[in-house]
C-alpha atoms as a PDB file:
ATOM      1  CA  MET A   1     108.713 -28.269  11.310  1.00  0.00           C
ATOM      2  CA  SER A   2     108.020 -29.137  14.928  1.00  0.00           C
ATOM      3  CA  PHE A   3     106.091 -26.502  16.869  1.00  0.00           C
ATOM      4  CA  THR A   4     106.713 -26.966  20.573  1.00  0.00           C
ATOM      5  CA  HIS A   5     106.278 -23.427  21.918  1.00  0.00           C
ATOM      6  CA  ILE A   6     102.693 -22.330  21.378  1.00  0.00           C
ATOM      7  CA  ALA A   7     101.203 -18.896  22.037  1.00  0.00           C
ATOM      8  CA  PHE A   8      97.443 -19.346  22.394  1.00  0.00           C
ATOM      9  CA  ARG A   9      95.008 -16.531  21.664  1.00  0.00           C
ATOM     10  CA  ALA A  10      91.240 -16.790  22.182  1.00  0.00           C
ATOM     11  CA  SER A  11      88.196 -14.636  21.546  1.00  0.00           C
ATOM     12  CA  THR A  12      85.858 -13.735  24.383  1.00  0.00           C
ATOM     13  CA  ALA A  13      83.248 -16.263  23.201  1.00  0.00           C
ATOM     14  CA  PRO A  14      82.518 -18.901  25.892  1.00  0.00           C
ATOM     15  CA  ALA A  15      83.454 -21.784  23.562  1.00  0.00           C
ATOM     16  CA  ALA A  16      86.800 -20.159  22.768  1.00  0.00           C
ATOM     17  CA  GLN A  17      87.538 -19.503  26.433  1.00  0.00           C
ATOM     18  CA  GLU A  18      86.728 -23.130  27.300  1.00  0.00           C
ATOM     19  CA  ALA A  19      89.039 -24.302  24.526  1.00  0.00           C
ATOM     20  CA  LEU A  20      91.778 -21.968  25.767  1.00  0.00           C
ATOM     21  CA  ALA A  21      91.562 -23.420  29.273  1.00  0.00           C
ATOM     22  CA  ALA A  22      91.675 -26.994  27.988  1.00  0.00           C
ATOM     23  CA  LEU A  23      94.586 -26.446  25.609  1.00  0.00           C
ATOM     24  CA  THR A  24      96.765 -24.383  27.931  1.00  0.00           C
ATOM     25  CA  ALA A  25      96.268 -26.978  30.668  1.00  0.00           C
ATOM     26  CA  ARG A  26      97.601 -29.574  28.264  1.00  0.00           C
ATOM     27  CA  HIS A  27     100.290 -27.632  26.380  1.00  0.00           C
ATOM     28  CA  GLY A  28     101.072 -24.590  28.513  1.00  0.00           C
ATOM     29  CA  GLN A  29     101.127 -20.972  27.381  1.00  0.00           C
ATOM     30  CA  THR A  30     104.208 -19.419  25.745  1.00  0.00           C
ATOM     31  CA  ALA A  31     104.849 -15.696  25.537  1.00  0.00           C
ATOM     32  CA  LEU A  32     104.709 -14.379  21.982  1.00  0.00           C
ATOM     33  CA  GLY A  33     108.397 -13.448  21.980  1.00  0.00           C
ATOM     34  CA  LYS A  34     109.417 -17.029  22.767  1.00  0.00           C
ATOM     35  CA  ALA A  35     106.799 -18.885  20.693  1.00  0.00           C
ATOM     36  CA  ASN A  36     107.316 -20.512  17.306  1.00  0.00           C
ATOM     37  CA  VAL A  37     103.607 -20.700  16.444  1.00  0.00           C
ATOM     38  CA  VAL A  38     100.368 -18.933  17.365  1.00  0.00           C
ATOM     39  CA  VAL A  39      97.101 -20.849  17.795  1.00  0.00           C
ATOM     40  CA  ALA A  40      93.984 -18.676  17.472  1.00  0.00           C
ATOM     41  CA  LEU A  41      90.681 -19.900  18.931  1.00  0.00           C
ATOM     42  CA  GLY A  42      87.537 -18.232  17.621  1.00  0.00           C
ATOM     43  CA  GLY A  43      85.990 -17.353  14.284  1.00  0.00           C
ATOM     44  CA  ASP A  44      87.288 -15.654  11.157  1.00  0.00           C
ATOM     45  CA  GLY A  45      86.969 -12.185  12.680  1.00  0.00           C
ATOM     46  CA  PHE A  46      89.190 -13.181  15.585  1.00  0.00           C
ATOM     47  CA  MET A  47      91.640 -14.814  13.171  1.00  0.00           C
ATOM     48  CA  LEU A  48      92.012 -11.521  11.318  1.00  0.00           C
ATOM     49  CA  GLN A  49      92.503  -9.720  14.624  1.00  0.00           C
ATOM     50  CA  THR A  50      95.192 -12.219  15.640  1.00  0.00           C
ATOM     51  CA  LEU A  51      97.014 -11.909  12.318  1.00  0.00           C
ATOM     52  CA  HIS A  52      97.101  -8.136  12.696  1.00  0.00           C
ATOM     53  CA  GLU A  53      98.199  -8.240  16.344  1.00  0.00           C
ATOM     54  CA  THR A  54     100.998 -10.783  15.786  1.00  0.00           C
ATOM     55  CA  GLN A  55     102.187  -9.373  12.456  1.00  0.00           C
ATOM     56  CA  SER A  56     105.525  -8.077  13.765  1.00  0.00           C
ATOM     57  CA  ALA A  57     106.396 -11.481  15.264  1.00  0.00           C
ATOM     58  CA  GLY A  58     106.456 -13.154  11.838  1.00  0.00           C
ATOM     59  CA  LEU A  59     105.022 -16.380  13.262  1.00  0.00           C
ATOM     60  CA  PRO A  60     102.682 -18.807  11.505  1.00  0.00           C
ATOM     61  CA  VAL A  61      99.121 -18.753  12.839  1.00  0.00           C
ATOM     62  CA  TYR A  62      96.962 -21.868  13.105  1.00  0.00           C
ATOM     63  CA  GLY A  63      93.299 -21.189  13.741  1.00  0.00           C
ATOM     64  CA  MET A  64      90.727 -23.513  15.264  1.00  0.00           C
ATOM     65  CA  ASN A  65      87.069 -22.698  14.846  1.00  0.00           C
ATOM     66  CA  CYS A  66      85.270 -21.845  18.078  1.00  0.00           C
ATOM     67  CA  GLY A  67      83.033 -19.217  16.476  1.00  0.00           C
ATOM     68  CA  THR A  68      80.260 -18.917  13.918  1.00  0.00           C
ATOM     69  CA  ILE A  69      82.348 -18.591  10.738  1.00  0.00           C
ATOM     70  CA  GLY A  70      85.568 -20.423  10.097  1.00  0.00           C
ATOM     71  CA  PHE A  71      86.756 -20.118   6.506  1.00  0.00           C
ATOM     72  CA  LEU A  72      90.258 -19.270   7.723  1.00  0.00           C
ATOM     73  CA  MET A  73      90.057 -21.794  10.564  1.00  0.00           C
ATOM     74  CA  ASN A  74      90.624 -25.496  11.073  1.00  0.00           C
ATOM     75  CA  THR A  75      88.187 -27.809  12.854  1.00  0.00           C
ATOM     76  CA  TYR A  76      88.507 -27.604  16.611  1.00  0.00           C
ATOM     77  CA  SER A  77      89.897 -30.573  18.489  1.00  0.00           C
ATOM     78  CA  ALA A  78      91.803 -30.730  21.753  1.00  0.00           C
ATOM     79  CA  GLU A  79      93.557 -33.908  20.602  1.00  0.00           C
ATOM     80  CA  ASP A  80      96.873 -34.250  18.745  1.00  0.00           C
ATOM     81  CA  LEU A  81      97.542 -30.525  18.384  1.00  0.00           C
ATOM     82  CA  PRO A  82     101.369 -30.855  18.070  1.00  0.00           C
ATOM     83  CA  GLN A  83     100.959 -33.482  15.348  1.00  0.00           C
ATOM     84  CA  ARG A  84      98.421 -31.334  13.484  1.00  0.00           C
ATOM     85  CA  LEU A  85     100.750 -28.341  13.640  1.00  0.00           C
ATOM     86  CA  THR A  86     103.688 -30.377  12.309  1.00  0.00           C
ATOM     87  CA  ALA A  87     101.636 -31.706   9.387  1.00  0.00           C
ATOM     88  CA  ALA A  88      99.960 -28.389   8.553  1.00  0.00           C
ATOM     89  CA  GLU A  89     100.278 -26.703   5.161  1.00  0.00           C
ATOM     90  CA  GLU A  90     101.313 -23.053   5.073  1.00  0.00           C
ATOM     91  CA  ALA A  91      99.701 -20.319   2.947  1.00  0.00           C
ATOM     92  CA  VAL A  92     101.499 -16.965   2.671  1.00  0.00           C
ATOM     93  CA  ILE A  93      99.377 -13.907   1.922  1.00  0.00           C
ATOM     94  CA  ASN A  94      99.943 -10.161   1.610  1.00  0.00           C
ATOM     95  CA  PRO A  95      97.578  -7.557   3.077  1.00  0.00           C
ATOM     96  CA  LEU A  96      96.236  -4.409   1.470  1.00  0.00           C
ATOM     97  CA  TRP A  97      97.512  -0.992   2.519  1.00  0.00           C
ATOM     98  CA  MET A  98      94.946   1.801   2.790  1.00  0.00           C
ATOM     99  CA  ARG A  99      95.489   5.552   2.985  1.00  0.00           C
ATOM    100  CA  ALA A 100      92.248   7.398   3.748  1.00  0.00           C
ATOM    101  CA  VAL A 101      91.861  11.171   3.803  1.00  0.00           C
ATOM    102  CA  GLY A 102      89.001  12.540   5.885  1.00  0.00           C
ATOM    103  CA  ALA A 103      86.902  15.601   5.176  1.00  0.00           C
ATOM    104  CA  ASP A 104      88.814  17.332   7.989  1.00  0.00           C
ATOM    105  CA  GLY A 105      92.148  16.577   6.274  1.00  0.00           C
ATOM    106  CA  ARG A 106      93.157  13.863   8.729  1.00  0.00           C
ATOM    107  CA  VAL A 107      95.060  10.965   7.118  1.00  0.00           C
ATOM    108  CA  THR A 108      94.564   7.383   8.344  1.00  0.00           C
ATOM    109  CA  GLU A 109      96.698   4.470   7.229  1.00  0.00           C
ATOM    110  CA  ALA A 110      95.716   0.858   7.899  1.00  0.00           C
ATOM    111  CA  LEU A 111      96.277  -2.691   6.692  1.00  0.00           C
ATOM    112  CA  ALA A 112      93.548  -5.102   5.605  1.00  0.00           C
ATOM    113  CA  ILE A 113      93.934  -8.844   5.087  1.00  0.00           C
ATOM    114  CA  ASN A 114      90.480  -9.375   3.536  1.00  0.00           C
ATOM    115  CA  GLU A 115      89.319  -6.124   1.962  1.00  0.00           C
ATOM    116  CA  VAL A 116      89.100  -2.364   2.046  1.00  0.00           C
ATOM    117  CA  SER A 117      85.532  -1.189   1.584  1.00  0.00           C
ATOM    118  CA  LEU A 118      83.805   2.154   1.110  1.00  0.00           C
ATOM    119  CA  LEU A 119      80.218   2.322   2.314  1.00  0.00           C
ATOM    120  CA  ARG A 120      77.593   5.007   2.170  1.00  0.00           C
ATOM    121  CA  ALA A 121      77.079   6.588   5.589  1.00  0.00           C
ATOM    122  CA  GLY A 122      73.837   8.452   4.945  1.00  0.00           C
ATOM    123  CA  PRO A 123      70.416   8.030   3.348  1.00  0.00           C
ATOM    124  CA  GLN A 124      71.657   8.693  -0.201  1.00  0.00           C
ATOM    125  CA  ALA A 125      73.815   6.440  -2.346  1.00  0.00           C
ATOM    126  CA  ALA A 126      77.531   7.080  -2.473  1.00  0.00           C
ATOM    127  CA  LYS A 127      79.021   8.695  -5.557  1.00  0.00           C
ATOM    128  CA  LEU A 128      82.592   7.574  -6.278  1.00  0.00           C
ATOM    129  CA  ARG A 129      85.232   8.270  -8.914  1.00  0.00           C
ATOM    130  CA  ILE A 130      87.645   5.370  -9.463  1.00  0.00           C
ATOM    131  CA  SER A 131      91.205   5.659 -10.774  1.00  0.00           C
ATOM    132  CA  VAL A 132      93.691   2.834 -11.343  1.00  0.00           C
ATOM    133  CA  ASP A 133      97.416   3.588 -11.455  1.00  0.00           C
ATOM    134  CA  GLY A 134      96.699   7.289 -11.822  1.00  0.00           C
ATOM    135  CA  ARG A 135      94.286   6.867 -14.746  1.00  0.00           C
ATOM    136  CA  GLU A 136      90.610   7.589 -14.304  1.00  0.00           C
ATOM    137  CA  ARG A 137      88.638   4.454 -15.116  1.00  0.00           C
ATOM    138  CA  MET A 138      85.163   5.335 -13.882  1.00  0.00           C
ATOM    139  CA  PRO A 139      84.216   8.994 -13.577  1.00  0.00           C
ATOM    140  CA  GLU A 140      81.103   8.268 -11.524  1.00  0.00           C
ATOM    141  CA  LEU A 141      79.874   5.156  -9.722  1.00  0.00           C
ATOM    142  CA  VAL A 142      76.602   5.601  -7.823  1.00  0.00           C
ATOM    143  CA  CYS A 143      76.247   2.727  -5.372  1.00  0.00           C
ATOM    144  CA  ASP A 144      75.831   1.609  -1.778  1.00  0.00           C
ATOM    145  CA  GLY A 145      79.580   1.042  -1.721  1.00  0.00           C
ATOM    146  CA  ALA A 146      82.611  -0.548  -3.331  1.00  0.00           C
ATOM    147  CA  LEU A 147      85.439  -2.741  -2.105  1.00  0.00           C
ATOM    148  CA  LEU A 148      88.839  -4.043  -3.108  1.00  0.00           C
ATOM    149  CA  ALA A 149      89.465  -7.633  -1.955  1.00  0.00           C
ATOM    150  CA  THR A 150      92.482  -9.913  -1.782  1.00  0.00           C
ATOM    151  CA  PRO A 151      92.251 -13.556  -2.885  1.00  0.00           C
ATOM    152  CA  ALA A 152      92.159 -14.581   0.798  1.00  0.00           C
ATOM    153  CA  GLY A 153      89.264 -12.186   1.377  1.00  0.00           C
ATOM    154  CA  SER A 154      87.404 -12.914  -1.836  1.00  0.00           C
ATOM    155  CA  THR A 155      85.028 -15.375  -0.145  1.00  0.00           C
ATOM    156  CA  ALA A 156      84.084 -12.904   2.585  1.00  0.00           C
ATOM    157  CA  TYR A 157      82.301  -9.566   2.027  1.00  0.00           C
ATOM    158  CA  ASN A 158      83.335  -9.603  -1.638  1.00  0.00           C
ATOM    159  CA  TYR A 159      81.507 -12.867  -2.317  1.00  0.00           C
ATOM    160  CA  SER A 160      78.400 -11.663  -0.479  1.00  0.00           C
ATOM    161  CA  ALA A 161      78.416  -8.650  -2.807  1.00  0.00           C
ATOM    162  CA  HIS A 162      78.496 -11.060  -5.811  1.00  0.00           C
ATOM    163  CA  GLY A 163      82.191 -10.528  -6.459  1.00  0.00           C
ATOM    164  CA  PRO A 164      84.374 -13.328  -7.888  1.00  0.00           C
ATOM    165  CA  ILE A 165      86.195 -15.942  -5.846  1.00  0.00           C
ATOM    166  CA  LEU A 166      89.930 -15.669  -6.548  1.00  0.00           C
ATOM    167  CA  PRO A 167      92.444 -18.548  -6.338  1.00  0.00           C
ATOM    168  CA  ILE A 168      94.769 -17.931  -3.402  1.00  0.00           C
ATOM    169  CA  GLY A 169      97.873 -17.731  -5.609  1.00  0.00           C
ATOM    170  CA  ALA A 170      96.315 -15.371  -8.148  1.00  0.00           C
ATOM    171  CA  ASP A 171      98.152 -12.072  -8.651  1.00  0.00           C
ATOM    172  CA  VAL A 172      94.877 -10.171  -8.943  1.00  0.00           C
ATOM    173  CA  LEU A 173      92.546  -8.147  -6.749  1.00  0.00           C
ATOM    174  CA  ALA A 174      88.757  -7.985  -6.991  1.00  0.00           C
ATOM    175  CA  LEU A 175      87.108  -4.578  -7.311  1.00  0.00           C
ATOM    176  CA  THR A 176      83.432  -5.082  -6.525  1.00  0.00           C
ATOM    177  CA  ALA A 177      80.471  -2.708  -6.270  1.00  0.00           C
ATOM    178  CA  MET A 178      77.589  -3.074  -3.821  1.00  0.00           C
ATOM    179  CA  ALA A 179      74.155  -2.355  -5.272  1.00  0.00           C
ATOM    180  CA  ALA A 180      75.449  -0.312  -8.195  1.00  0.00           C
ATOM    181  CA  PHE A 181      72.788   2.074  -9.497  1.00  0.00           C
ATOM    182  CA  ARG A 182      74.822   3.817 -12.168  1.00  0.00           C
ATOM    183  CA  PRO A 183      76.289   2.193 -14.236  1.00  0.00           C
ATOM    184  CA  ARG A 184      73.335  -0.110 -13.683  1.00  0.00           C
ATOM    185  CA  ARG A 185      74.330  -3.449 -12.132  1.00  0.00           C
ATOM    186  CA  TRP A 186      78.058  -2.879 -12.638  1.00  0.00           C
ATOM    187  CA  ARG A 187      79.708  -5.756 -10.770  1.00  0.00           C
ATOM    188  CA  GLY A 188      83.316  -4.574 -10.810  1.00  0.00           C
ATOM    189  CA  ALA A 189      86.657  -5.600 -12.297  1.00  0.00           C
ATOM    190  CA  LEU A 190      89.695  -7.818 -11.812  1.00  0.00           C
ATOM    191  CA  LEU A 191      92.890  -5.809 -11.358  1.00  0.00           C
ATOM    192  CA  PRO A 192      96.575  -6.753 -11.249  1.00  0.00           C
ATOM    193  CA  LYS A 193      97.888  -7.259  -7.737  1.00  0.00           C
ATOM    194  CA  ALA A 194     100.347  -4.390  -8.246  1.00  0.00           C
ATOM    195  CA  ALA A 195      97.588  -1.909  -9.144  1.00  0.00           C
ATOM    196  CA  VAL A 196      97.072   1.227  -7.075  1.00  0.00           C
ATOM    197  CA  VAL A 197      93.363   2.027  -6.771  1.00  0.00           C
ATOM    198  CA  ARG A 198      92.082   5.445  -5.765  1.00  0.00           C
ATOM    199  CA  PHE A 199      88.519   6.280  -4.786  1.00  0.00           C
ATOM    200  CA  ASP A 200      87.434   9.929  -4.720  1.00  0.00           C
ATOM    201  CA  VAL A 201      84.163  10.621  -2.916  1.00  0.00           C
ATOM    202  CA  LEU A 202      82.024  13.033  -4.925  1.00  0.00           C
ATOM    203  CA  GLU A 203      79.524  15.320  -3.196  1.00  0.00           C
ATOM    204  CA  HIS A 204      80.818  14.121   0.181  1.00  0.00           C
ATOM    205  CA  ASP A 205      78.835  16.742   2.116  1.00  0.00           C
ATOM    206  CA  LYS A 206      75.594  15.420   0.669  1.00  0.00           C
ATOM    207  CA  ARG A 207      76.645  11.765   0.336  1.00  0.00           C
ATOM    208  CA  PRO A 208      78.996  10.878   3.224  1.00  0.00           C
ATOM    209  CA  VAL A 209      81.097   7.723   2.955  1.00  0.00           C
ATOM    210  CA  ARG A 210      82.877   5.549   5.519  1.00  0.00           C
ATOM    211  CA  ALA A 211      85.980   3.482   4.745  1.00  0.00           C
ATOM    212  CA  ASP A 212      86.655   0.139   6.444  1.00  0.00           C
ATOM    213  CA  ALA A 213      89.925  -1.815   6.530  1.00  0.00           C
ATOM    214  CA  ASP A 214      88.966  -5.305   7.735  1.00  0.00           C
ATOM    215  CA  SER A 215      85.993  -3.735   9.570  1.00  0.00           C
ATOM    216  CA  ARG A 216      88.085  -0.984  11.182  1.00  0.00           C
ATOM    217  CA  PRO A 217      86.111   2.158  10.276  1.00  0.00           C
ATOM    218  CA  VAL A 218      87.320   5.572   9.159  1.00  0.00           C
ATOM    219  CA  PRO A 219      84.354   7.990   9.027  1.00  0.00           C
ATOM    220  CA  ASP A 220      83.643  10.743   6.516  1.00  0.00           C
ATOM    221  CA  VAL A 221      86.379  10.098   3.959  1.00  0.00           C
ATOM    222  CA  VAL A 222      86.909  12.120   0.779  1.00  0.00           C
ATOM    223  CA  GLN A 223      89.705  10.068  -0.792  1.00  0.00           C
ATOM    224  CA  VAL A 224      90.966   6.506  -0.299  1.00  0.00           C
ATOM    225  CA  GLU A 225      94.007   4.919  -1.925  1.00  0.00           C
ATOM    226  CA  VAL A 226      94.525   1.155  -1.768  1.00  0.00           C
ATOM    227  CA  ARG A 227      97.321  -1.140  -2.927  1.00  0.00           C
ATOM    228  CA  SER A 228      98.783  -4.513  -2.041  1.00  0.00           C
ATOM    229  CA  GLU A 229     101.640  -4.453   0.469  1.00  0.00           C
ATOM    230  CA  PRO A 230     104.196  -7.109  -0.623  1.00  0.00           C
ATOM    231  CA  ALA A 231     106.645  -6.151   2.141  1.00  0.00           C
ATOM    232  CA  ILE A 232     104.281  -7.625   4.739  1.00  0.00           C
ATOM    233  CA  THR A 233     103.403 -11.314   4.808  1.00  0.00           C
ATOM    234  CA  HIS A 234     101.032 -13.368   6.931  1.00  0.00           C
ATOM    235  CA  ARG A 235     101.596 -17.102   7.379  1.00  0.00           C
ATOM    236  CA  ILE A 236      98.449 -19.192   7.910  1.00  0.00           C
ATOM    237  CA  LEU A 237      98.509 -22.919   8.694  1.00  0.00           C
ATOM    238  CA  PHE A 238      95.872 -25.394   7.523  1.00  0.00           C
ATOM    239  CA  ASP A 239      95.325 -29.096   8.013  1.00  0.00           C
ATOM    240  CA  PRO A 240      96.464 -31.144   4.965  1.00  0.00           C
ATOM    241  CA  GLY A 241      93.875 -31.148   2.200  1.00  0.00           C
ATOM    242  CA  HIS A 242      91.940 -28.275   3.747  1.00  0.00           C
ATOM    243  CA  GLY A 243      94.083 -25.293   2.761  1.00  0.00           C
ATOM    244  CA  LEU A 244      92.856 -22.057   1.234  1.00  0.00           C
ATOM    245  CA  GLU A 245      93.167 -23.313  -2.349  1.00  0.00           C
ATOM    246  CA  GLU A 246      90.938 -26.327  -1.631  1.00  0.00           C
ATOM    247  CA  ARG A 247      88.458 -24.213   0.340  1.00  0.00           C
ATOM    248  CA  LEU A 248      88.170 -21.720  -2.501  1.00  0.00           C
ATOM    249  CA  ILE A 249      87.316 -24.532  -4.908  1.00  0.00           C
ATOM    250  CA  VAL A 250      84.830 -26.155  -2.512  1.00  0.00           C
ATOM    251  CA  GLU A 251      83.085 -22.833  -1.911  1.00  0.00           C
ATOM    252  CA  GLN A 252      82.348 -22.465  -5.634  1.00  0.00           C
ATOM    253  CA  PHE A 253      80.656 -25.853  -5.829  1.00  0.00           C
ATOM    254  CA  ALA A 254      78.747 -25.618  -2.555  1.00  0.00           C
END
């Protein structure tokens, strides 16, 4: 497909702003409603932000790395952008849907492309009860936190917490604990993509917990439900031979 109407988005980093100026001078700037592709300039965090912000447009997003981390990004170059876009490979991913209930009863819903995480928000470890598809699977997990990651997000926070790297086409999610104290050194589980995971925060007054959906925080939660959202898709473009599947393999042999 030929992409001739490009909507550029850039982070506030100086390198990204310089790239934005250079590329828009060469290719122009198209409003999102008239574009057929989005080019994001920044790091992985900005790529996630762009995917969320352009979700309703249904456009493919091609990222170029002008930040510090670029797992979801392609190498930056001001040359041959239309040709690179035409040759790019597309990966289609689904986000996670989170429903978090606060201690005050307030309900927050959010989407996460990488992961939904629960993190202790006080000096004491969190104490969580985990249920899968309505069945209690772990009555008590004492830990610094726990997260549920998509395959696309499995190399991010999940991998840093010693969770598994998942192939991009795998119909599974990674449930990973951070610094599990009880059960000692419990690393987590692989769950079907269709699973509905519920975390109940035990002793929340004494052991407060924060929930994050792609780093968007919800403070003082008492219950969090997470599932994949197949009705929503994100289209990410990669240079040939450097797609998510290849990057996942490379990461494991680095």
